[in-house]
Amino acid sequence: MIVGIPRETKPGEKRVAMSPANVKFWCDKGTQILLEGGAGDSAGFPDADYVAVGAKICPSRTEIFATADIILQVQSFGANNVNGDDDLALLRKGQVVAGMMDPLGSPQAAQKIAPTGAT
């Protein structure tokens, strides 16, 4: 399983989806963690801290979304009403996103990802 952690893009957001201690826990269990370069900087976690516990640093946000099975974000589209739609365009069918999305505050974001019709 590959987990991707992109840099937060909502203005003013300083958190990151996982600390190096969380990343170490999952890497020790065999999970591959991809982190967008600089994702932890605002939270006080430099890339070197993540590399030291087993994460791989990716220079491209596009690479994170193209490779990861699961995307972890603090504020995903819906909750990030400033530029969250940019990430929506990068999602693949079947990919899991874990992060705040605020479907009641931004119902249009929920509608964009809701399945239509029977499968």
C-alpha atoms as a PDB file:
ATOM      1  CA  MET A   1       0.000   0.000   0.000  1.00  0.00           C
ATOM      2  CA  ILE A   2       1.247   3.471  -0.881  1.00  0.00           C
ATOM      3  CA  VAL A   3       0.163   6.492   1.148  1.00  0.00           C
ATOM      4  CA  GLY A   4       0.734   9.964  -0.258  1.00  0.00           C
ATOM      5  CA  ILE A   5       0.967  13.129   1.809  1.00  0.00           C
ATOM      6  CA  PRO A   6       0.845  16.283  -0.299  1.00  0.00           C
ATOM      7  CA  ARG A   7       1.717  19.732   0.983  1.00  0.00           C
ATOM      8  CA  GLU A   8      -1.312  21.628   2.312  1.00  0.00           C
ATOM      9  CA  THR A   9      -2.343  24.372  -0.082  1.00  0.00           C
ATOM     10  CA  LYS A  10      -5.082  26.268   1.757  1.00  0.00           C
ATOM     11  CA  PRO A  11      -3.700  29.667   2.782  1.00  0.00           C
ATOM     12  CA  GLY A  12      -2.846  29.770   6.481  1.00  0.00           C
ATOM     13  CA  GLU A  13      -2.889  25.978   6.974  1.00  0.00           C
ATOM     14  CA  LYS A  14       0.262  25.010   8.880  1.00  0.00           C
ATOM     15  CA  ARG A  15      -0.547  21.398   9.751  1.00  0.00           C
ATOM     16  CA  VAL A  16       0.583  18.245   7.955  1.00  0.00           C
ATOM     17  CA  ALA A  17      -1.394  14.996   7.732  1.00  0.00           C
ATOM     18  CA  MET A  18       1.269  12.891   9.527  1.00  0.00           C
ATOM     19  CA  SER A  19       4.186  13.588  11.812  1.00  0.00           C
ATOM     20  CA  PRO A  20       7.460  11.695  11.366  1.00  0.00           C
ATOM     21  CA  ALA A  21       6.495   9.476  14.338  1.00  0.00           C
ATOM     22  CA  ASN A  22       3.259   8.470  12.545  1.00  0.00           C
ATOM     23  CA  VAL A  23       5.190   7.827   9.339  1.00  0.00           C
ATOM     24  CA  LYS A  24       7.682   5.619  11.185  1.00  0.00           C
ATOM     25  CA  PHE A  25       4.845   3.525  12.626  1.00  0.00           C
ATOM     26  CA  TRP A  26       3.379   2.858   9.176  1.00  0.00           C
ATOM     27  CA  CYS A  27       6.725   2.353   7.438  1.00  0.00           C
ATOM     28  CA  ASP A  28       7.634  -0.221  10.106  1.00  0.00           C
ATOM     29  CA  LYS A  29       4.451  -2.094   9.091  1.00  0.00           C
ATOM     30  CA  GLY A  30       5.497  -2.154   5.427  1.00  0.00           C
ATOM     31  CA  THR A  31       3.503   0.820   4.159  1.00  0.00           C
ATOM     32  CA  GLN A  32       5.272   3.000   1.614  1.00  0.00           C
ATOM     33  CA  ILE A  33       4.904   6.706   2.419  1.00  0.00           C
ATOM     34  CA  LEU A  34       5.392   9.370  -0.255  1.00  0.00           C
ATOM     35  CA  LEU A  35       5.661  12.929   0.995  1.00  0.00           C
ATOM     36  CA  GLU A  36       5.614  16.011  -1.176  1.00  0.00           C
ATOM     37  CA  GLY A  37       8.793  17.977  -0.541  1.00  0.00           C
ATOM     38  CA  GLY A  38       8.231  20.616   2.133  1.00  0.00           C
ATOM     39  CA  ALA A  39       4.908  19.165   3.310  1.00  0.00           C
ATOM     40  CA  GLY A  40       5.949  19.222   6.960  1.00  0.00           C
ATOM     41  CA  ASP A  41       7.923  22.473   6.978  1.00  0.00           C
ATOM     42  CA  SER A  42       5.129  24.705   8.334  1.00  0.00           C
ATOM     43  CA  ALA A  43       4.434  22.184  11.093  1.00  0.00           C
ATOM     44  CA  GLY A  44       8.104  22.108  12.123  1.00  0.00           C
ATOM     45  CA  PHE A  45       9.021  18.803  10.457  1.00  0.00           C
ATOM     46  CA  PRO A  46      11.728  19.101   7.764  1.00  0.00           C
ATOM     47  CA  ASP A  47      11.946  16.545   4.956  1.00  0.00           C
ATOM     48  CA  ALA A  48      15.029  14.999   6.570  1.00  0.00           C
ATOM     49  CA  ASP A  49      12.946  13.916   9.592  1.00  0.00           C
ATOM     50  CA  TYR A  50      10.601  11.999   7.298  1.00  0.00           C
ATOM     51  CA  VAL A  51      13.402  10.429   5.268  1.00  0.00           C
ATOM     52  CA  ALA A  52      15.075   9.285   8.499  1.00  0.00           C
ATOM     53  CA  VAL A  53      12.002   7.181   9.362  1.00  0.00           C
ATOM     54  CA  GLY A  54      11.466   5.695   5.895  1.00  0.00           C
ATOM     55  CA  ALA A  55       9.416   8.122   3.797  1.00  0.00           C
ATOM     56  CA  LYS A  56      10.319   8.974   0.237  1.00  0.00           C
ATOM     57  CA  ILE A  57      10.272  12.652  -0.727  1.00  0.00           C
ATOM     58  CA  CYS A  58       8.594  13.439  -4.058  1.00  0.00           C
ATOM     59  CA  PRO A  59       9.270  16.758  -5.755  1.00  0.00           C
ATOM     60  CA  SER A  60       5.939  16.742  -7.565  1.00  0.00           C
ATOM     61  CA  ARG A  61       2.397  16.908  -6.199  1.00  0.00           C
ATOM     62  CA  THR A  62       1.272  15.254  -9.415  1.00  0.00           C
ATOM     63  CA  GLU A  63       3.540  12.263  -8.666  1.00  0.00           C
ATOM     64  CA  ILE A  64       1.985  11.873  -5.207  1.00  0.00           C
ATOM     65  CA  PHE A  65      -1.541  11.736  -6.638  1.00  0.00           C
ATOM     66  CA  ALA A  66      -0.528   9.528  -9.584  1.00  0.00           C
ATOM     67  CA  THR A  67       1.214   6.948  -7.384  1.00  0.00           C
ATOM     68  CA  ALA A  68      -0.533   6.764  -4.004  1.00  0.00           C
ATOM     69  CA  ASP A  69      -3.426   4.454  -3.200  1.00  0.00           C
ATOM     70  CA  ILE A  70      -4.444   6.710  -0.306  1.00  0.00           C
ATOM     71  CA  ILE A  71      -4.059  10.499  -0.095  1.00  0.00           C
ATOM     72  CA  LEU A  72      -3.854  12.001   3.396  1.00  0.00           C
ATOM     73  CA  GLN A  73      -4.604  15.691   3.775  1.00  0.00           C
ATOM     74  CA  VAL A  74      -5.612  17.970   6.601  1.00  0.00           C
ATOM     75  CA  GLN A  75      -7.911  20.091   4.404  1.00  0.00           C
ATOM     76  CA  SER A  76      -8.970  18.403   1.227  1.00  0.00           C
ATOM     77  CA  PHE A  77     -11.274  19.797  -1.438  1.00  0.00           C
ATOM     78  CA  GLY A  78     -14.515  21.016   0.107  1.00  0.00           C
ATOM     79  CA  ALA A  79     -12.763  22.159   3.279  1.00  0.00           C
ATOM     80  CA  ASN A  80     -10.168  23.907   1.119  1.00  0.00           C
ATOM     81  CA  ASN A  81     -12.499  26.178  -0.792  1.00  0.00           C
ATOM     82  CA  VAL A  82      -9.642  28.370  -2.016  1.00  0.00           C
ATOM     83  CA  ASN A  83      -7.819  25.942  -4.304  1.00  0.00           C
ATOM     84  CA  GLY A  84      -9.016  22.450  -3.386  1.00  0.00           C
ATOM     85  CA  ASP A  85     -10.460  21.845  -6.841  1.00  0.00           C
ATOM     86  CA  ASP A  86      -6.881  21.658  -8.136  1.00  0.00           C
ATOM     87  CA  ASP A  87      -6.476  18.401  -6.174  1.00  0.00           C
ATOM     88  CA  LEU A  88      -9.845  17.111  -7.292  1.00  0.00           C
ATOM     89  CA  ALA A  89      -8.559  17.150 -10.855  1.00  0.00           C
ATOM     90  CA  LEU A  90      -5.618  14.922  -9.799  1.00  0.00           C
ATOM     91  CA  LEU A  91      -7.693  12.169  -8.158  1.00  0.00           C
ATOM     92  CA  ARG A  92      -8.044   8.766  -9.781  1.00  0.00           C
ATOM     93  CA  LYS A  93     -11.049   6.473  -9.667  1.00  0.00           C
ATOM     94  CA  GLY A  94     -10.753   4.125  -6.680  1.00  0.00           C
ATOM     95  CA  GLN A  95      -8.255   6.321  -4.859  1.00  0.00           C
ATOM     96  CA  VAL A  96      -9.007   6.958  -1.172  1.00  0.00           C
ATOM     97  CA  VAL A  97      -8.768  10.453   0.290  1.00  0.00           C
ATOM     98  CA  ALA A  98      -8.639  10.934   4.046  1.00  0.00           C
ATOM     99  CA  GLY A  99      -8.958  14.524   5.166  1.00  0.00           C
ATOM    100  CA  MET A 100     -11.480  17.151   6.160  1.00  0.00           C
ATOM    101  CA  MET A 101     -13.890  17.791   3.299  1.00  0.00           C
ATOM    102  CA  ASP A 102     -16.898  19.586   4.872  1.00  0.00           C
ATOM    103  CA  PRO A 103     -19.612  18.060   2.639  1.00  0.00           C
ATOM    104  CA  LEU A 104     -22.391  20.005   4.392  1.00  0.00           C
ATOM    105  CA  GLY A 105     -20.575  23.332   4.108  1.00  0.00           C
ATOM    106  CA  SER A 106     -19.574  22.671   0.503  1.00  0.00           C
ATOM    107  CA  PRO A 107     -22.213  20.352  -0.989  1.00  0.00           C
ATOM    108  CA  GLN A 108     -21.008  21.157  -4.498  1.00  0.00           C
ATOM    109  CA  ALA A 109     -17.650  19.513  -3.669  1.00  0.00           C
ATOM    110  CA  ALA A 110     -19.415  16.364  -2.465  1.00  0.00           C
ATOM    111  CA  GLN A 111     -21.501  16.289  -5.641  1.00  0.00           C
ATOM    112  CA  LYS A 112     -18.359  16.414  -7.786  1.00  0.00           C
ATOM    113  CA  ILE A 113     -17.112  13.131  -6.343  1.00  0.00           C
ATOM    114  CA  ALA A 114     -20.432  11.364  -5.743  1.00  0.00           C
ATOM    115  CA  PRO A 115     -20.932   8.315  -7.962  1.00  0.00           C
ATOM    116  CA  THR A 116     -23.679   8.618 -10.510  1.00  0.00           C
ATOM    117  CA  GLY A 117     -25.903   5.770 -11.597  1.00  0.00           C
ATOM    118  CA  ALA A 118     -25.577   2.102 -10.807  1.00  0.00           C
ATOM    119  CA  THR A 119     -22.227   0.379 -11.063  1.00  0.00           C
END
